[in-house]
Amino acid sequence: MLENKFSIFICSLFASAGLLSLPAHSQPSASRDDALSRIANNGYFTIGHRAATFPFSYVDAATQKPQGYTVDICHRIYEQVKAELKRPDLKLRYNLVDGKNRIADVRNGVVDVECGATTITAERQKDIAFSYAFFVSGARFMVKKQSGIQNELDLRDKRIAVAEGTTTEKVLRSVSANMFLNAKVVPTKDAASAFAALEKDEADAAITEDAGLWGLASKSKSPQDFKLIGKFLTQEPYGIGFRKDDARLAELIDKTLLGLFASGEAEKIFAYWFQTGPHVGEPFEKSRLLSDAFRRPSKFSPL
């Protein structure tokens, strides 16, 4: 018993003097997992982008380079990383992600930031961290202007296209029942197909997130033929995803987003991609929810 106590005492003295190494698994993991240290060692910063999520993150057909509203914001984060590391030579890399692998690619360090149109949810926050919301979207209806449909009540007995098996389909069926719309649901494989049904007059309306519908209309032959109607049926804040438990990277990303909001730069980036840029068919109306997100930055999500 005394020998055991003496051994523990000696080991404590050696450990405090730095003469006794602790097992590898007991060493703090922050240094191993610190993203900024890894980025500095690798010599590059990796942005995870989407292929066709216009206008947030997509590959431009002419240049074959990723671009978009979210990509521009992530470029500002990249510049902040270079300044923080004092590495003007730090390279920028792009890595294509999709709806299925984007969360895993962030968690596994395949990308440093995920720059698409990813909704902040409690479930996703179990796996990754998120920036302040840089956009707030929500499910709304889109119709053709010439249809005469002005609001949700005008959709009574109408055909409404929606991506099958999605939360939006559940919302549509609930709204139809609660407002006695008797909507004729037209199930489609995805949001693009729902818009296509509206475009080809196979449906009287389409429903999904408003920014997504606007983006699809903007890429159509006649953007001026379509309009969004009604109130938000859901509220979905978009955030930039990055690895959890990385205080240095989190602080830097927060600093970048807050700086963009405070300086008005976020407004300019939004205006270019949604209202005044050369690729804008019909300007996107900035919602009160988005204005509030810029004025009072938050990471809160109702989902």
C-alpha atoms as a PDB file:
ATOM      1  CA  MET A   1       0.000   0.000   0.000  1.00  0.00           C
ATOM      2  CA  LEU A   2       2.793   2.400   0.917  1.00  0.00           C
ATOM      3  CA  GLU A   3       4.730   1.348  -2.183  1.00  0.00           C
ATOM      4  CA  ASN A   4       1.700   2.163  -4.369  1.00  0.00           C
ATOM      5  CA  LYS A   5       1.323   5.587  -2.771  1.00  0.00           C
ATOM      6  CA  PHE A   6       5.025   6.265  -3.202  1.00  0.00           C
ATOM      7  CA  SER A   7       4.885   5.247  -6.876  1.00  0.00           C
ATOM      8  CA  ILE A   8       1.922   7.531  -7.528  1.00  0.00           C
ATOM      9  CA  PHE A   9       3.763  10.390  -5.750  1.00  0.00           C
ATOM     10  CA  ILE A  10       6.913   9.902  -7.868  1.00  0.00           C
ATOM     11  CA  CYS A  11       4.912   9.679 -11.116  1.00  0.00           C
ATOM     12  CA  SER A  12       3.079  12.898 -10.228  1.00  0.00           C
ATOM     13  CA  LEU A  13       6.376  14.682  -9.655  1.00  0.00           C
ATOM     14  CA  PHE A  14       7.778  13.472 -12.980  1.00  0.00           C
ATOM     15  CA  ALA A  15       4.608  14.364 -14.846  1.00  0.00           C
ATOM     16  CA  SER A  16       4.525  17.894 -13.397  1.00  0.00           C
ATOM     17  CA  ALA A  17       8.150  18.333 -14.404  1.00  0.00           C
ATOM     18  CA  GLY A  18       7.386  17.195 -17.928  1.00  0.00           C
ATOM     19  CA  LEU A  19       9.568  14.089 -17.584  1.00  0.00           C
ATOM     20  CA  LEU A  20       6.759  11.582 -17.911  1.00  0.00           C
ATOM     21  CA  SER A  21       4.785  11.323 -21.138  1.00  0.00           C
ATOM     22  CA  LEU A  22       1.069  10.637 -20.943  1.00  0.00           C
ATOM     23  CA  PRO A  23      -0.451   7.997 -23.224  1.00  0.00           C
ATOM     24  CA  ALA A  24      -1.336   9.351 -26.673  1.00  0.00           C
ATOM     25  CA  HIS A  25      -5.059   8.902 -26.123  1.00  0.00           C
ATOM     26  CA  SER A  26      -4.983  11.144 -23.038  1.00  0.00           C
ATOM     27  CA  GLN A  27      -3.364  14.076 -24.816  1.00  0.00           C
ATOM     28  CA  PRO A  28      -5.653  16.987 -25.712  1.00  0.00           C
ATOM     29  CA  SER A  29      -7.076  16.447 -29.213  1.00  0.00           C
ATOM     30  CA  ALA A  30      -7.504  20.131 -30.129  1.00  0.00           C
ATOM     31  CA  SER A  31      -4.065  20.450 -31.685  1.00  0.00           C
ATOM     32  CA  ARG A  32      -4.589  17.360 -33.848  1.00  0.00           C
ATOM     33  CA  ASP A  33      -8.031  18.483 -35.038  1.00  0.00           C
ATOM     34  CA  ASP A  34      -7.413  22.207 -35.322  1.00  0.00           C
ATOM     35  CA  ALA A  35      -8.552  23.130 -38.846  1.00  0.00           C
ATOM     36  CA  LEU A  36      -6.410  26.249 -39.184  1.00  0.00           C
ATOM     37  CA  SER A  37      -3.250  24.318 -38.293  1.00  0.00           C
ATOM     38  CA  ARG A  38      -4.154  21.625 -40.803  1.00  0.00           C
ATOM     39  CA  ILE A  39      -4.909  24.232 -43.477  1.00  0.00           C
ATOM     40  CA  ALA A  40      -1.558  25.935 -42.824  1.00  0.00           C
ATOM     41  CA  ASN A  41       0.292  22.623 -43.057  1.00  0.00           C
ATOM     42  CA  ASN A  42      -1.516  21.544 -46.234  1.00  0.00           C
ATOM     43  CA  GLY A  43      -1.157  24.939 -47.889  1.00  0.00           C
ATOM     44  CA  TYR A  44      -4.748  25.111 -49.124  1.00  0.00           C
ATOM     45  CA  PHE A  45      -8.310  25.919 -48.044  1.00  0.00           C
ATOM     46  CA  THR A  46     -11.103  23.699 -49.406  1.00  0.00           C
ATOM     47  CA  ILE A  47     -14.577  24.940 -50.285  1.00  0.00           C
ATOM     48  CA  GLY A  48     -17.323  22.359 -50.721  1.00  0.00           C
ATOM     49  CA  HIS A  49     -19.657  23.543 -53.496  1.00  0.00           C
ATOM     50  CA  ARG A  50     -22.771  22.262 -55.253  1.00  0.00           C
ATOM     51  CA  ALA A  51     -23.178  21.495 -58.967  1.00  0.00           C
ATOM     52  CA  ALA A  52     -26.456  23.252 -59.739  1.00  0.00           C
ATOM     53  CA  THR A  53     -27.938  25.066 -56.730  1.00  0.00           C
ATOM     54  CA  PHE A  54     -28.442  28.411 -58.478  1.00  0.00           C
ATOM     55  CA  PRO A  55     -27.876  31.134 -57.382  1.00  0.00           C
ATOM     56  CA  PHE A  56     -26.245  29.897 -54.174  1.00  0.00           C
ATOM     57  CA  SER A  57     -23.627  27.463 -55.410  1.00  0.00           C
ATOM     58  CA  TYR A  58     -23.249  26.078 -58.921  1.00  0.00           C
ATOM     59  CA  VAL A  59     -20.743  25.415 -61.682  1.00  0.00           C
ATOM     60  CA  ASP A  60     -20.836  28.112 -64.346  1.00  0.00           C
ATOM     61  CA  ALA A  61     -21.342  26.576 -67.795  1.00  0.00           C
ATOM     62  CA  ALA A  62     -19.010  29.026 -69.523  1.00  0.00           C
ATOM     63  CA  THR A  63     -16.063  29.014 -67.111  1.00  0.00           C
ATOM     64  CA  GLN A  64     -16.640  25.611 -65.454  1.00  0.00           C
ATOM     65  CA  LYS A  65     -15.831  27.302 -62.143  1.00  0.00           C
ATOM     66  CA  PRO A  66     -17.932  27.233 -58.947  1.00  0.00           C
ATOM     67  CA  GLN A  67     -19.716  30.475 -58.209  1.00  0.00           C
ATOM     68  CA  GLY A  68     -22.787  31.876 -56.492  1.00  0.00           C
ATOM     69  CA  TYR A  69     -24.024  33.823 -53.499  1.00  0.00           C
ATOM     70  CA  THR A  70     -22.762  31.349 -50.891  1.00  0.00           C
ATOM     71  CA  VAL A  71     -19.501  30.778 -52.746  1.00  0.00           C
ATOM     72  CA  ASP A  72     -18.823  34.524 -52.648  1.00  0.00           C
ATOM     73  CA  ILE A  73     -19.354  34.543 -48.887  1.00  0.00           C
ATOM     74  CA  CYS A  74     -16.996  31.574 -48.517  1.00  0.00           C
ATOM     75  CA  HIS A  75     -14.391  33.443 -50.566  1.00  0.00           C
ATOM     76  CA  ARG A  76     -14.506  36.138 -47.858  1.00  0.00           C
ATOM     77  CA  ILE A  77     -13.884  33.435 -45.235  1.00  0.00           C
ATOM     78  CA  TYR A  78     -10.919  32.196 -47.295  1.00  0.00           C
ATOM     79  CA  GLU A  79      -9.444  35.711 -47.342  1.00  0.00           C
ATOM     80  CA  GLN A  80      -9.896  35.925 -43.562  1.00  0.00           C
ATOM     81  CA  VAL A  81      -8.126  32.587 -43.131  1.00  0.00           C
ATOM     82  CA  LYS A  82      -5.186  33.821 -45.217  1.00  0.00           C
ATOM     83  CA  ALA A  83      -4.934  36.950 -43.079  1.00  0.00           C
ATOM     84  CA  GLU A  84      -5.215  35.000 -39.820  1.00  0.00           C
ATOM     85  CA  LEU A  85      -2.494  32.563 -40.869  1.00  0.00           C
ATOM     86  CA  LYS A  86      -0.388  35.294 -42.494  1.00  0.00           C
ATOM     87  CA  ARG A  87      -0.284  33.098 -45.591  1.00  0.00           C
ATOM     88  CA  PRO A  88      -0.913  35.178 -48.734  1.00  0.00           C
ATOM     89  CA  ASP A  89       0.260  32.131 -50.699  1.00  0.00           C
ATOM     90  CA  LEU A  90      -2.534  29.914 -49.300  1.00  0.00           C
ATOM     91  CA  LYS A  91      -4.243  28.140 -52.202  1.00  0.00           C
ATOM     92  CA  LEU A  92      -7.989  27.777 -52.710  1.00  0.00           C
ATOM     93  CA  ARG A  93      -9.405  24.396 -53.658  1.00  0.00           C
ATOM     94  CA  TYR A  94     -12.938  23.350 -54.607  1.00  0.00           C
ATOM     95  CA  ASN A  95     -14.570  20.022 -53.895  1.00  0.00           C
ATOM     96  CA  LEU A  96     -17.958  19.037 -55.320  1.00  0.00           C
ATOM     97  CA  VAL A  97     -20.461  17.850 -52.702  1.00  0.00           C
ATOM     98  CA  ASP A  98     -24.077  16.760 -53.037  1.00  0.00           C
ATOM     99  CA  GLY A  99     -27.132  16.475 -50.853  1.00  0.00           C
ATOM    100  CA  LYS A 100     -26.166  13.017 -49.618  1.00  0.00           C
ATOM    101  CA  ASN A 101     -22.479  13.468 -48.763  1.00  0.00           C
ATOM    102  CA  ARG A 102     -22.192  17.160 -47.796  1.00  0.00           C
ATOM    103  CA  ILE A 103     -22.578  16.665 -44.033  1.00  0.00           C
ATOM    104  CA  ALA A 104     -20.219  13.677 -43.948  1.00  0.00           C
ATOM    105  CA  ASP A 105     -17.628  15.560 -46.031  1.00  0.00           C
ATOM    106  CA  VAL A 106     -17.620  18.378 -43.482  1.00  0.00           C
ATOM    107  CA  ARG A 107     -17.471  16.019 -40.519  1.00  0.00           C
ATOM    108  CA  ASN A 108     -14.629  13.995 -42.052  1.00  0.00           C
ATOM    109  CA  GLY A 109     -12.569  17.038 -43.048  1.00  0.00           C
ATOM    110  CA  VAL A 110     -12.887  16.468 -46.795  1.00  0.00           C
ATOM    111  CA  VAL A 111     -13.926  20.131 -47.057  1.00  0.00           C
ATOM    112  CA  ASP A 112     -13.192  22.994 -44.656  1.00  0.00           C
ATOM    113  CA  VAL A 113     -16.515  24.744 -45.284  1.00  0.00           C
ATOM    114  CA  GLU A 114     -19.687  23.603 -47.052  1.00  0.00           C
ATOM    115  CA  CYS A 115     -20.979  26.387 -49.253  1.00  0.00           C
ATOM    116  CA  GLY A 116     -24.380  25.552 -50.664  1.00  0.00           C
ATOM    117  CA  ALA A 117     -27.946  26.110 -49.493  1.00  0.00           C
ATOM    118  CA  THR A 118     -27.989  23.919 -46.405  1.00  0.00           C
ATOM    119  CA  THR A 119     -30.674  24.487 -43.801  1.00  0.00           C
ATOM    120  CA  ILE A 120     -29.582  24.700 -40.173  1.00  0.00           C
ATOM    121  CA  THR A 121     -31.385  21.949 -38.251  1.00  0.00           C
ATOM    122  CA  ALA A 122     -31.026  20.447 -34.799  1.00  0.00           C
ATOM    123  CA  GLU A 123     -30.327  17.044 -36.341  1.00  0.00           C
ATOM    124  CA  ARG A 124     -27.485  18.357 -38.513  1.00  0.00           C
ATOM    125  CA  GLN A 125     -26.024  20.266 -35.589  1.00  0.00           C
ATOM    126  CA  LYS A 126     -25.336  16.908 -33.937  1.00  0.00           C
ATOM    127  CA  ASP A 127     -22.742  16.284 -36.657  1.00  0.00           C
ATOM    128  CA  ILE A 128     -21.413  19.689 -37.745  1.00  0.00           C
ATOM    129  CA  ALA A 129     -21.384  23.352 -36.731  1.00  0.00           C
ATOM    130  CA  PHE A 130     -22.988  26.223 -38.648  1.00  0.00           C
ATOM    131  CA  SER A 131     -22.263  29.879 -39.286  1.00  0.00           C
ATOM    132  CA  TYR A 132     -24.764  32.633 -38.666  1.00  0.00           C
ATOM    133  CA  ALA A 133     -27.677  32.344 -41.093  1.00  0.00           C
ATOM    134  CA  PHE A 134     -26.784  34.149 -44.329  1.00  0.00           C
ATOM    135  CA  PHE A 135     -30.158  33.486 -45.955  1.00  0.00           C
ATOM    136  CA  VAL A 136     -33.653  32.585 -44.769  1.00  0.00           C
ATOM    137  CA  SER A 137     -35.910  30.713 -47.134  1.00  0.00           C
ATOM    138  CA  GLY A 138     -39.235  28.943 -46.786  1.00  0.00           C
ATOM    139  CA  ALA A 139     -41.844  27.012 -48.717  1.00  0.00           C
ATOM    140  CA  ARG A 140     -44.063  29.165 -50.944  1.00  0.00           C
ATOM    141  CA  PHE A 141     -46.211  28.709 -54.018  1.00  0.00           C
ATOM    142  CA  MET A 142     -45.217  29.796 -57.503  1.00  0.00           C
ATOM    143  CA  VAL A 143     -47.759  30.335 -60.286  1.00  0.00           C
ATOM    144  CA  LYS A 144     -47.874  31.864 -63.728  1.00  0.00           C
ATOM    145  CA  LYS A 145     -48.777  35.538 -63.698  1.00  0.00           C
ATOM    146  CA  GLN A 146     -51.463  35.073 -66.330  1.00  0.00           C
ATOM    147  CA  SER A 147     -53.242  32.439 -64.223  1.00  0.00           C
ATOM    148  CA  GLY A 148     -55.099  35.016 -62.154  1.00  0.00           C
ATOM    149  CA  ILE A 149     -54.088  33.215 -58.950  1.00  0.00           C
ATOM    150  CA  GLN A 150     -53.290  35.827 -56.287  1.00  0.00           C
ATOM    151  CA  ASN A 151     -53.205  33.940 -52.981  1.00  0.00           C
ATOM    152  CA  GLU A 152     -53.555  30.551 -51.332  1.00  0.00           C
ATOM    153  CA  LEU A 153     -57.361  30.606 -51.427  1.00  0.00           C
ATOM    154  CA  ASP A 154     -57.251  30.900 -55.213  1.00  0.00           C
ATOM    155  CA  LEU A 155     -55.583  27.484 -55.258  1.00  0.00           C
ATOM    156  CA  ARG A 156     -58.813  25.714 -54.288  1.00  0.00           C
ATOM    157  CA  ASP A 157     -59.280  22.615 -56.482  1.00  0.00           C
ATOM    158  CA  LYS A 158     -56.067  23.446 -58.365  1.00  0.00           C
ATOM    159  CA  ARG A 159     -53.215  21.111 -59.378  1.00  0.00           C
ATOM    160  CA  ILE A 160     -50.105  21.713 -57.254  1.00  0.00           C
ATOM    161  CA  ALA A 161     -46.752  20.095 -58.112  1.00  0.00           C
ATOM    162  CA  VAL A 162     -44.419  19.116 -55.285  1.00  0.00           C
ATOM    163  CA  ALA A 163     -41.393  16.868 -54.838  1.00  0.00           C
ATOM    164  CA  GLU A 164     -42.708  13.533 -53.599  1.00  0.00           C
ATOM    165  CA  GLY A 165     -41.723  12.307 -50.152  1.00  0.00           C
ATOM    166  CA  THR A 166     -40.420  15.669 -48.922  1.00  0.00           C
ATOM    167  CA  THR A 167     -41.355  17.693 -45.874  1.00  0.00           C
ATOM    168  CA  THR A 168     -42.803  20.245 -48.304  1.00  0.00           C
ATOM    169  CA  GLU A 169     -45.297  17.650 -49.541  1.00  0.00           C
ATOM    170  CA  LYS A 170     -46.412  17.091 -45.938  1.00  0.00           C
ATOM    171  CA  VAL A 171     -46.785  20.854 -45.465  1.00  0.00           C
ATOM    172  CA  LEU A 172     -48.805  21.132 -48.679  1.00  0.00           C
ATOM    173  CA  ARG A 173     -51.213  18.378 -47.663  1.00  0.00           C
ATOM    174  CA  SER A 174     -51.619  19.925 -44.215  1.00  0.00           C
ATOM    175  CA  VAL A 175     -52.310  23.401 -45.635  1.00  0.00           C
ATOM    176  CA  SER A 176     -54.747  21.969 -48.162  1.00  0.00           C
ATOM    177  CA  ALA A 177     -56.681  20.196 -45.401  1.00  0.00           C
ATOM    178  CA  ASN A 178     -56.635  23.123 -42.952  1.00  0.00           C
ATOM    179  CA  MET A 179     -57.705  25.703 -45.561  1.00  0.00           C
ATOM    180  CA  PHE A 180     -60.126  23.358 -47.325  1.00  0.00           C
ATOM    181  CA  LEU A 181     -58.300  23.826 -50.616  1.00  0.00           C
ATOM    182  CA  ASN A 182     -58.987  20.328 -51.919  1.00  0.00           C
ATOM    183  CA  ALA A 183     -55.691  20.636 -53.806  1.00  0.00           C
ATOM    184  CA  LYS A 184     -54.905  18.013 -56.418  1.00  0.00           C
ATOM    185  CA  VAL A 185     -51.340  17.067 -55.510  1.00  0.00           C
ATOM    186  CA  VAL A 186     -49.073  16.365 -58.491  1.00  0.00           C
ATOM    187  CA  PRO A 187     -46.086  14.384 -57.119  1.00  0.00           C
ATOM    188  CA  THR A 188     -42.730  14.842 -58.886  1.00  0.00           C
ATOM    189  CA  LYS A 189     -39.237  13.419 -58.368  1.00  0.00           C
ATOM    190  CA  ASP A 190     -37.683  16.747 -57.282  1.00  0.00           C
ATOM    191  CA  ALA A 191     -38.177  20.518 -57.121  1.00  0.00           C
ATOM    192  CA  ALA A 192     -36.914  21.042 -60.682  1.00  0.00           C
ATOM    193  CA  SER A 193     -39.531  18.590 -61.951  1.00  0.00           C
ATOM    194  CA  ALA A 194     -42.229  20.390 -59.953  1.00  0.00           C
ATOM    195  CA  PHE A 195     -41.290  23.676 -61.616  1.00  0.00           C
ATOM    196  CA  ALA A 196     -41.199  21.949 -65.021  1.00  0.00           C
ATOM    197  CA  ALA A 197     -44.771  20.738 -64.457  1.00  0.00           C
ATOM    198  CA  LEU A 198     -45.848  24.331 -63.815  1.00  0.00           C
ATOM    199  CA  GLU A 199     -43.904  25.575 -66.825  1.00  0.00           C
ATOM    200  CA  LYS A 200     -45.561  23.004 -69.132  1.00  0.00           C
ATOM    201  CA  ASP A 201     -49.053  23.694 -67.690  1.00  0.00           C
ATOM    202  CA  GLU A 202     -49.206  20.235 -66.163  1.00  0.00           C
ATOM    203  CA  ALA A 203     -49.830  21.955 -62.831  1.00  0.00           C
ATOM    204  CA  ASP A 204     -51.393  25.262 -61.796  1.00  0.00           C
ATOM    205  CA  ALA A 205     -48.787  25.891 -59.110  1.00  0.00           C
ATOM    206  CA  ALA A 206     -45.538  24.495 -57.735  1.00  0.00           C
ATOM    207  CA  ILE A 207     -44.304  24.569 -54.173  1.00  0.00           C
ATOM    208  CA  THR A 208     -40.846  24.362 -52.612  1.00  0.00           C
ATOM    209  CA  GLU A 209     -38.429  26.844 -51.009  1.00  0.00           C
ATOM    210  CA  ASP A 210     -38.968  30.279 -52.525  1.00  0.00           C
ATOM    211  CA  ALA A 211     -35.338  30.895 -53.486  1.00  0.00           C
ATOM    212  CA  GLY A 212     -35.185  27.536 -55.242  1.00  0.00           C
ATOM    213  CA  LEU A 213     -38.315  28.291 -57.276  1.00  0.00           C
ATOM    214  CA  TRP A 214     -37.004  31.745 -58.133  1.00  0.00           C
ATOM    215  CA  GLY A 215     -33.702  30.230 -59.256  1.00  0.00           C
ATOM    216  CA  LEU A 216     -35.482  27.732 -61.510  1.00  0.00           C
ATOM    217  CA  ALA A 217     -37.668  30.466 -62.986  1.00  0.00           C
ATOM    218  CA  SER A 218     -34.599  32.648 -63.573  1.00  0.00           C
ATOM    219  CA  LYS A 219     -33.053  29.877 -65.662  1.00  0.00           C
ATOM    220  CA  SER A 220     -36.241  29.343 -67.693  1.00  0.00           C
ATOM    221  CA  LYS A 221     -36.987  30.786 -71.129  1.00  0.00           C
ATOM    222  CA  SER A 222     -39.441  33.336 -69.701  1.00  0.00           C
ATOM    223  CA  PRO A 223     -38.610  34.351 -66.099  1.00  0.00           C
ATOM    224  CA  GLN A 224     -41.111  37.181 -66.302  1.00  0.00           C
ATOM    225  CA  ASP A 225     -43.994  34.714 -66.639  1.00  0.00           C
ATOM    226  CA  PHE A 226     -43.803  33.496 -63.034  1.00  0.00           C
ATOM    227  CA  LYS A 227     -44.450  34.900 -59.575  1.00  0.00           C
ATOM    228  CA  LEU A 228     -44.364  33.772 -55.951  1.00  0.00           C
ATOM    229  CA  ILE A 229     -47.575  34.097 -53.936  1.00  0.00           C
ATOM    230  CA  GLY A 230     -48.725  33.668 -50.365  1.00  0.00           C
ATOM    231  CA  LYS A 231     -46.926  33.575 -47.047  1.00  0.00           C
ATOM    232  CA  PHE A 232     -44.013  31.432 -45.918  1.00  0.00           C
ATOM    233  CA  LEU A 233     -45.330  28.017 -44.934  1.00  0.00           C
ATOM    234  CA  THR A 234     -41.980  27.045 -43.393  1.00  0.00           C
ATOM    235  CA  GLN A 235     -38.916  28.938 -42.185  1.00  0.00           C
ATOM    236  CA  GLU A 236     -35.504  27.601 -43.192  1.00  0.00           C
ATOM    237  CA  PRO A 237     -32.296  29.476 -42.278  1.00  0.00           C
ATOM    238  CA  TYR A 238     -29.258  28.576 -44.400  1.00  0.00           C
ATOM    239  CA  GLY A 239     -25.817  28.330 -42.804  1.00  0.00           C
ATOM    240  CA  ILE A 240     -22.257  27.517 -43.857  1.00  0.00           C
ATOM    241  CA  GLY A 241     -21.255  24.169 -42.397  1.00  0.00           C
ATOM    242  CA  PHE A 242     -17.881  23.419 -40.778  1.00  0.00           C
ATOM    243  CA  ARG A 243     -16.452  20.907 -38.306  1.00  0.00           C
ATOM    244  CA  LYS A 244     -17.673  20.937 -34.722  1.00  0.00           C
ATOM    245  CA  ASP A 245     -15.506  21.637 -31.682  1.00  0.00           C
ATOM    246  CA  ASP A 246     -13.042  23.851 -33.548  1.00  0.00           C
ATOM    247  CA  ALA A 247     -13.006  27.114 -31.614  1.00  0.00           C
ATOM    248  CA  ARG A 248     -10.447  28.924 -33.789  1.00  0.00           C
ATOM    249  CA  LEU A 249     -12.249  28.258 -37.065  1.00  0.00           C
ATOM    250  CA  ALA A 250     -15.640  29.011 -35.515  1.00  0.00           C
ATOM    251  CA  GLU A 251     -14.407  32.367 -34.212  1.00  0.00           C
ATOM    252  CA  LEU A 252     -12.958  33.289 -37.593  1.00  0.00           C
ATOM    253  CA  ILE A 253     -16.122  32.350 -39.503  1.00  0.00           C
ATOM    254  CA  ASP A 254     -18.293  34.279 -37.029  1.00  0.00           C
ATOM    255  CA  LYS A 255     -16.002  37.289 -37.381  1.00  0.00           C
ATOM    256  CA  THR A 256     -16.263  37.155 -41.175  1.00  0.00           C
ATOM    257  CA  LEU A 257     -20.064  36.915 -41.269  1.00  0.00           C
ATOM    258  CA  LEU A 258     -20.575  39.626 -38.641  1.00  0.00           C
ATOM    259  CA  GLY A 259     -18.208  41.881 -40.583  1.00  0.00           C
ATOM    260  CA  LEU A 260     -20.166  41.332 -43.814  1.00  0.00           C
ATOM    261  CA  PHE A 261     -23.450  42.159 -42.084  1.00  0.00           C
ATOM    262  CA  ALA A 262     -22.122  45.239 -40.267  1.00  0.00           C
ATOM    263  CA  SER A 263     -20.333  46.729 -43.281  1.00  0.00           C
ATOM    264  CA  GLY A 264     -23.216  46.267 -45.705  1.00  0.00           C
ATOM    265  CA  GLU A 265     -21.124  43.923 -47.853  1.00  0.00           C
ATOM    266  CA  ALA A 266     -23.644  41.110 -47.340  1.00  0.00           C
ATOM    267  CA  GLU A 267     -26.345  43.349 -48.817  1.00  0.00           C
ATOM    268  CA  LYS A 268     -24.197  43.998 -51.889  1.00  0.00           C
ATOM    269  CA  ILE A 269     -23.482  40.304 -52.438  1.00  0.00           C
ATOM    270  CA  PHE A 270     -27.195  39.529 -52.080  1.00  0.00           C
ATOM    271  CA  ALA A 271     -28.186  42.317 -54.482  1.00  0.00           C
ATOM    272  CA  TYR A 272     -25.761  41.090 -57.147  1.00  0.00           C
ATOM    273  CA  TRP A 273     -27.017  37.508 -57.099  1.00  0.00           C
ATOM    274  CA  PHE A 274     -30.718  38.157 -56.570  1.00  0.00           C
ATOM    275  CA  GLN A 275     -31.567  41.597 -57.923  1.00  0.00           C
ATOM    276  CA  THR A 276     -29.089  43.407 -60.169  1.00  0.00           C
ATOM    277  CA  GLY A 277     -26.593  40.892 -61.578  1.00  0.00           C
ATOM    278  CA  PRO A 278     -26.406  39.987 -65.280  1.00  0.00           C
ATOM    279  CA  HIS A 279     -27.903  36.522 -64.640  1.00  0.00           C
ATOM    280  CA  VAL A 280     -31.028  37.915 -62.897  1.00  0.00           C
ATOM    281  CA  GLY A 281     -34.199  37.571 -64.953  1.00  0.00           C
ATOM    282  CA  GLU A 282     -36.778  38.908 -62.516  1.00  0.00           C
ATOM    283  CA  PRO A 283     -35.500  40.479 -59.254  1.00  0.00           C
ATOM    284  CA  PHE A 284     -36.048  38.448 -56.099  1.00  0.00           C
ATOM    285  CA  GLU A 285     -37.986  40.282 -53.410  1.00  0.00           C
ATOM    286  CA  LYS A 286     -36.057  40.400 -50.162  1.00  0.00           C
ATOM    287  CA  SER A 287     -38.210  39.040 -47.356  1.00  0.00           C
ATOM    288  CA  ARG A 288     -38.590  40.470 -43.869  1.00  0.00           C
ATOM    289  CA  LEU A 289     -37.048  37.272 -42.509  1.00  0.00           C
ATOM    290  CA  LEU A 290     -33.902  37.814 -44.551  1.00  0.00           C
ATOM    291  CA  SER A 291     -33.703  41.496 -43.607  1.00  0.00           C
ATOM    292  CA  ASP A 292     -33.934  40.492 -39.940  1.00  0.00           C
ATOM    293  CA  ALA A 293     -31.182  37.895 -40.417  1.00  0.00           C
ATOM    294  CA  PHE A 294     -28.857  40.639 -41.685  1.00  0.00           C
ATOM    295  CA  ARG A 295     -29.773  43.080 -38.903  1.00  0.00           C
ATOM    296  CA  ARG A 296     -29.795  40.568 -36.051  1.00  0.00           C
ATOM    297  CA  PRO A 297     -27.459  37.696 -36.937  1.00  0.00           C
ATOM    298  CA  SER A 298     -28.513  34.401 -35.438  1.00  0.00           C
ATOM    299  CA  LYS A 299     -27.824  30.676 -35.572  1.00  0.00           C
ATOM    300  CA  PHE A 300     -31.283  29.785 -34.282  1.00  0.00           C
ATOM    301  CA  SER A 301     -33.393  27.412 -36.325  1.00  0.00           C
ATOM    302  CA  PRO A 302     -36.974  26.308 -35.670  1.00  0.00           C
ATOM    303  CA  LEU A 303     -36.186  22.959 -37.319  1.00  0.00           C
END
